[in-house]
Amino acid sequence: MLGKRKSPQRDLLSFWAVPVTAPPYSPPENESAEGTEEMEDKARSEEIEDRREKMNPLTVRVYDSDLSKVVHRFLDMCPTSGPNCGTAEVIYKKMDEAMQKNAMPWRNCMGGFIRKLLSKFLKPAALQHRELHEICFKEPSNQLPGEKLVIGFTTRVTLNRLLEAGAITPQQVQRFQKAAVAFLERAVEYAIKKLPMKEPLIKHAMFLDVQQRAECGVEDAFYFVDRFPELLPYNGPEERDKLCEEFLDYQTMDIAMPDDPVMFDFERFWGNMASMKNKVRIILYSWEYPLT
């Protein structure tokens, strides 16, 4: 008795389901064993590069109304992977995704973000009293020496330990430090190019810097009231007049400044401002660390 015939489609599927094992590689007679090892090492290196993973913890500073102070909060781990996981473009893209997911626009933090990057490899004097577009961050005379670059405590300790143990040479340390500066320069370039630097909010927020308050006007404070009426419902005539008075008081008050203005404690100053009972004065504080 003839059995049931299998369909061609079933035979085809059965064929592709059979595991195929490649025969061991045998180099040609004219190919050396050393060359084969190099090819295998290269393949392993490429595989390792493809599986590289990097964590880029992202933290933010926000004003906690319950605690009445600015606090640090973890936002996202921002993991990246692949051979380009450590590049500025890939890391920034992951950070941007985390910011969008949490409804936090870059305009709330971009000025401080770029200045923080710059402070990792520039001398303080190159940053003081300068707008971002005025900072010559590629000028070698403005950059910190290699041993003072801010590359993280763990990285610096490991670098010094390996150097002292003779595991790496001074030349390798210099190459690493040059690479770190190149990375930071590229990160700043990318941030300046991609971030909305012409956002009006940045221009009108300059009065929050006590050293620049005399150059601003009350219309800067009105800008926030008009743009965010749900958050700052102070549109009545009396409240507007009171805001004008408070702003003039802020511009003319005596504020003790340290010898080095960079050491001025902005958080403490605005924390004291926020503790004042006048509700209109809180407007000035609430926009140094906006939540949305």
Protein backbone atom coordinates (compact mmCIF):
# COMPACT_ATOMS: atom_id res chain seq x y z
CA MET A 1 0.00 0.00 0.00
CA LEU A 2 1.36 3.38 -0.94
CA GLY A 3 1.88 5.84 1.86
CA LYS A 4 0.54 9.41 1.86
CA ARG A 5 2.69 11.65 -0.25
CA LYS A 6 4.22 14.67 1.41
CA SER A 7 3.59 18.04 -0.13
CA PRO A 8 6.55 19.82 -1.76
CA GLN A 9 6.11 22.68 0.72
CA ARG A 10 6.45 20.33 3.70
CA ASP A 11 9.56 18.75 2.20
CA LEU A 12 11.08 22.19 1.73
CA LEU A 13 10.40 23.21 5.33
CA SER A 14 11.84 19.92 6.56
CA PHE A 15 14.99 20.56 4.56
CA TRP A 16 15.60 24.04 6.01
CA ALA A 17 14.98 22.76 9.51
CA VAL A 18 18.04 20.51 9.30
CA PRO A 19 20.95 22.18 11.14
CA VAL A 20 23.96 22.74 8.93
CA THR A 21 27.42 22.58 10.48
CA ALA A 22 30.27 24.16 8.59
CA PRO A 23 33.41 22.07 8.28
CA PRO A 24 36.43 23.25 10.27
CA TYR A 25 38.42 25.94 8.54
CA SER A 26 41.57 24.71 6.82
CA PRO A 27 43.86 27.48 5.61
CA PRO A 28 45.32 27.18 2.14
CA GLU A 29 48.87 25.95 1.91
CA ASN A 30 50.14 29.44 1.10
CA GLU A 31 48.38 30.99 4.13
CA SER A 32 50.37 30.93 7.36
CA ALA A 33 48.97 29.87 10.69
CA GLU A 34 49.91 33.30 12.05
CA GLY A 35 47.68 35.00 9.47
CA THR A 36 44.80 32.75 10.45
CA GLU A 37 45.22 33.69 14.11
CA GLU A 38 45.19 37.37 13.20
CA MET A 39 41.93 36.91 11.33
CA GLU A 40 40.40 35.08 14.27
CA ASP A 41 41.62 37.77 16.71
CA LYS A 42 40.12 40.47 14.51
CA ALA A 43 36.80 38.63 14.34
CA ARG A 44 36.74 38.24 18.13
CA SER A 45 37.56 41.94 18.60
CA GLU A 46 34.74 42.96 16.26
CA GLU A 47 32.34 40.69 18.12
CA ILE A 48 33.36 42.23 21.44
CA GLU A 49 32.91 45.74 20.01
CA ASP A 50 29.42 44.87 18.81
CA ARG A 51 28.49 43.66 22.30
CA ARG A 52 29.88 46.68 24.16
CA GLU A 53 27.47 48.29 26.61
CA LYS A 54 27.76 51.55 28.52
CA MET A 55 25.68 53.06 31.30
CA ASN A 56 25.21 56.85 31.34
CA PRO A 57 23.28 57.72 34.54
CA LEU A 58 21.28 60.92 34.10
CA THR A 59 20.38 62.96 37.18
CA VAL A 60 18.47 66.24 37.37
CA ARG A 61 18.05 69.01 39.89
CA VAL A 62 14.45 69.95 40.64
CA TYR A 63 12.71 72.07 43.21
CA ASP A 64 10.87 69.92 45.72
CA SER A 65 7.94 71.94 47.01
CA ASP A 66 7.46 69.55 49.95
CA LEU A 67 11.03 70.03 51.15
CA SER A 68 11.24 73.66 49.98
CA LYS A 69 14.65 73.11 48.44
CA VAL A 70 16.44 71.97 45.31
CA VAL A 71 17.21 68.24 45.26
CA HIS A 72 19.00 65.81 42.97
CA ARG A 73 16.94 63.05 41.44
CA PHE A 74 17.90 60.04 39.32
CA LEU A 75 16.09 60.23 35.97
CA ASP A 76 17.32 57.40 33.75
CA MET A 77 20.25 55.02 33.23
CA CYS A 78 20.48 55.91 29.50
CA PRO A 79 22.17 52.64 28.40
CA THR A 80 23.99 52.59 25.07
CA SER A 81 25.48 49.66 23.19
CA GLY A 82 27.53 48.81 20.13
CA PRO A 83 30.90 50.01 18.85
CA ASN A 84 29.81 53.68 19.02
CA CYS A 85 28.22 53.54 22.47
CA GLY A 86 30.70 56.06 23.89
CA THR A 87 30.31 58.77 21.23
CA ALA A 88 28.70 62.11 22.01
CA GLU A 89 26.00 61.64 19.37
CA VAL A 90 24.82 58.26 20.69
CA ILE A 91 24.88 59.34 24.34
CA TYR A 92 23.05 62.59 23.62
CA LYS A 93 20.37 60.75 21.62
CA LYS A 94 19.74 58.43 24.57
CA MET A 95 19.59 61.38 26.97
CA ASP A 96 17.17 63.16 24.64
CA GLU A 97 14.91 60.09 24.66
CA ALA A 98 14.90 60.08 28.48
CA MET A 99 14.13 63.81 28.60
CA GLN A 100 11.22 63.45 26.18
CA LYS A 101 9.87 60.41 28.02
CA ASN A 102 9.76 62.44 31.24
CA ALA A 103 8.37 65.57 29.52
CA MET A 104 11.42 67.64 30.47
CA PRO A 105 12.36 70.11 27.71
CA TRP A 106 16.01 70.89 27.11
CA ARG A 107 15.36 74.60 27.50
CA ASN A 108 15.11 74.03 31.26
CA CYS A 109 18.69 72.90 31.60
CA MET A 110 20.65 73.40 28.40
CA GLY A 111 22.69 76.42 29.52
CA GLY A 112 23.88 74.67 32.66
CA PHE A 113 24.39 71.42 30.75
CA ILE A 114 26.82 72.97 28.27
CA ARG A 115 28.65 74.97 30.93
CA LYS A 116 29.08 71.81 32.99
CA LEU A 117 30.65 70.11 29.98
CA LEU A 118 32.95 73.09 29.46
CA SER A 119 33.98 73.17 33.12
CA LYS A 120 35.36 69.64 32.77
CA PHE A 121 38.20 70.78 30.52
CA LEU A 122 38.35 74.60 30.61
CA LYS A 123 39.97 76.92 33.12
CA PRO A 124 37.48 78.86 35.29
CA ALA A 125 38.76 82.18 33.91
CA ALA A 126 37.73 81.11 30.40
CA LEU A 127 34.12 80.69 31.56
CA GLN A 128 33.63 83.71 33.78
CA HIS A 129 31.50 86.63 32.54
CA ARG A 130 31.14 85.14 29.06
CA GLU A 131 28.17 84.03 27.02
CA LEU A 132 28.37 80.56 25.50
CA HIS A 133 29.10 81.90 22.02
CA GLU A 134 31.99 83.94 23.43
CA ILE A 135 33.82 80.99 24.99
CA CYS A 136 36.79 79.80 22.91
CA PHE A 137 36.75 76.22 24.16
CA LYS A 138 39.11 74.93 21.47
CA GLU A 139 41.85 77.39 22.39
CA PRO A 140 44.62 75.34 24.10
CA SER A 141 45.50 78.22 26.44
CA ASN A 142 41.94 78.10 27.84
CA GLN A 143 42.05 74.36 28.54
CA LEU A 144 43.09 72.64 31.73
CA PRO A 145 46.31 70.61 31.79
CA GLY A 146 45.79 66.89 31.32
CA GLU A 147 46.25 65.99 34.98
CA LYS A 148 43.48 68.43 36.01
CA LEU A 149 40.81 67.31 33.55
CA VAL A 150 37.56 66.32 35.23
CA ILE A 151 37.28 62.72 34.05
CA GLY A 152 35.74 61.22 37.19
CA PHE A 153 37.33 60.09 40.44
CA THR A 154 37.38 56.38 39.59
CA THR A 155 38.90 56.97 36.15
CA ARG A 156 41.59 59.28 37.55
CA VAL A 157 42.53 56.89 40.36
CA THR A 158 42.69 53.94 37.97
CA LEU A 159 44.80 55.91 35.51
CA ASN A 160 47.29 56.89 38.22
CA ARG A 161 47.41 53.36 39.63
CA LEU A 162 48.15 51.81 36.24
CA LEU A 163 50.82 54.42 35.57
CA GLU A 164 52.53 53.84 38.91
CA ALA A 165 52.43 50.08 38.38
CA GLY A 166 54.06 50.43 34.97
CA ALA A 167 51.04 48.90 33.23
CA ILE A 168 50.75 51.97 30.99
CA THR A 169 53.31 54.53 29.84
CA PRO A 170 53.22 58.33 30.29
CA GLN A 171 52.71 58.58 26.53
CA GLN A 172 49.59 56.43 26.78
CA VAL A 173 48.29 58.63 29.58
CA GLN A 174 48.81 61.70 27.40
CA ARG A 175 46.99 60.06 24.50
CA PHE A 176 44.09 59.20 26.80
CA GLN A 177 43.88 62.77 28.08
CA LYS A 178 43.97 64.19 24.55
CA ALA A 179 41.19 61.79 23.58
CA ALA A 180 39.14 62.94 26.59
CA VAL A 181 39.50 66.59 25.54
CA ALA A 182 38.58 65.70 21.94
CA PHE A 183 35.46 63.90 23.18
CA LEU A 184 34.39 66.84 25.35
CA GLU A 185 35.00 69.33 22.52
CA ARG A 186 32.88 67.20 20.20
CA ALA A 187 30.15 66.90 22.84
CA VAL A 188 30.02 70.69 23.27
CA GLU A 189 29.89 71.22 19.49
CA TYR A 190 27.07 68.71 19.16
CA ALA A 191 25.10 70.22 22.07
CA ILE A 192 25.41 73.76 20.71
CA LYS A 193 24.31 72.56 17.29
CA LYS A 194 21.34 70.49 18.48
CA LEU A 195 19.99 72.35 21.51
CA PRO A 196 17.52 75.23 21.05
CA MET A 197 19.97 77.96 22.06
CA LYS A 198 17.71 80.73 20.72
CA GLU A 199 14.88 79.80 23.06
CA PRO A 200 13.51 83.14 24.45
CA LEU A 201 13.25 81.64 27.92
CA ILE A 202 17.04 81.66 28.23
CA LYS A 203 17.26 85.35 27.36
CA HIS A 204 14.55 86.35 29.85
CA ALA A 205 15.97 84.16 32.62
CA MET A 206 19.20 86.15 32.87
CA PHE A 207 17.86 88.12 35.85
CA LEU A 208 18.24 84.97 37.96
CA ASP A 209 22.00 85.56 37.84
CA VAL A 210 22.48 88.11 40.63
CA GLN A 211 25.51 89.53 38.86
CA GLN A 212 23.42 90.40 35.80
CA ARG A 213 20.21 91.49 37.54
CA ALA A 214 20.91 95.23 37.06
CA GLU A 215 21.01 94.73 33.28
CA CYS A 216 17.52 93.18 33.19
CA GLY A 217 14.04 94.61 33.50
CA VAL A 218 10.75 93.61 35.09
CA GLU A 219 9.48 92.66 31.63
CA ASP A 220 11.70 89.58 31.96
CA ALA A 221 9.69 88.45 34.98
CA PHE A 222 6.45 89.30 33.16
CA TYR A 223 7.56 87.03 30.33
CA PHE A 224 7.24 83.98 32.59
CA VAL A 225 3.88 85.12 33.97
CA ASP A 226 2.50 85.61 30.46
CA ARG A 227 3.97 82.41 29.03
CA PHE A 228 2.94 80.13 31.90
CA PRO A 229 -0.32 81.56 33.29
CA GLU A 230 -1.41 78.17 34.67
CA LEU A 231 1.74 77.89 36.78
CA LEU A 232 2.04 81.59 37.64
CA PRO A 233 -1.48 83.00 37.99
CA TYR A 234 -0.38 86.54 38.87
CA ASN A 235 -2.08 88.61 36.19
CA GLY A 236 -4.08 90.99 38.34
CA PRO A 237 -3.11 94.71 38.35
CA GLU A 238 -2.23 94.67 42.05
CA GLU A 239 -0.04 91.60 41.67
CA ARG A 240 1.70 93.13 38.64
CA ASP A 241 2.43 96.30 40.59
CA LYS A 242 3.71 94.24 43.49
CA LEU A 243 5.93 92.24 41.16
CA CYS A 244 7.44 95.49 39.87
CA GLU A 245 8.20 96.59 43.43
CA GLU A 246 9.73 93.23 44.33
CA PHE A 247 11.84 93.21 41.18
CA LEU A 248 13.23 96.69 41.94
CA ASP A 249 13.98 95.58 45.51
CA TYR A 250 15.86 92.59 44.11
CA GLN A 251 17.88 94.78 41.75
CA THR A 252 18.89 97.26 44.45
CA MET A 253 19.41 94.97 47.46
CA ASP A 254 22.91 94.48 48.84
CA ILE A 255 24.09 90.96 48.09
CA ALA A 256 27.41 89.89 49.58
CA MET A 257 29.58 88.31 46.90
CA PRO A 258 32.64 86.13 47.59
CA ASP A 259 36.06 87.11 46.24
CA ASP A 260 35.58 84.48 43.56
CA PRO A 261 32.08 85.02 42.08
CA VAL A 262 32.06 81.42 40.85
CA MET A 263 31.80 80.31 44.50
CA PHE A 264 28.54 82.21 45.04
CA ASP A 265 25.91 79.83 46.43
CA PHE A 266 22.95 80.43 44.12
CA GLU A 267 20.87 77.64 45.66
CA ARG A 268 21.17 79.06 49.15
CA PHE A 269 20.40 82.57 47.97
CA TRP A 270 17.27 81.59 46.06
CA GLY A 271 16.28 79.23 48.86
CA ASN A 272 16.21 82.23 51.20
CA MET A 273 14.24 84.20 48.64
CA ALA A 274 11.68 81.40 48.44
CA SER A 275 11.25 81.37 52.22
CA MET A 276 9.98 84.95 52.19
CA LYS A 277 6.25 85.19 52.76
CA ASN A 278 5.35 87.45 49.85
CA LYS A 279 3.87 85.11 47.25
CA VAL A 280 4.82 87.32 44.31
CA ARG A 281 8.47 87.12 45.24
CA ILE A 282 8.25 83.36 44.82
CA ILE A 283 7.93 83.96 41.07
CA LEU A 284 11.58 84.94 40.95
CA TYR A 285 12.61 81.74 42.67
CA SER A 286 10.33 79.25 40.97
CA TRP A 287 11.96 79.82 37.62
CA GLU A 288 15.53 79.13 38.55
CA TYR A 289 14.72 75.40 38.69
CA PRO A 290 11.52 74.97 36.63
CA LEU A 291 9.99 71.53 36.63
CA THR A 292 8.45 71.57 33.15
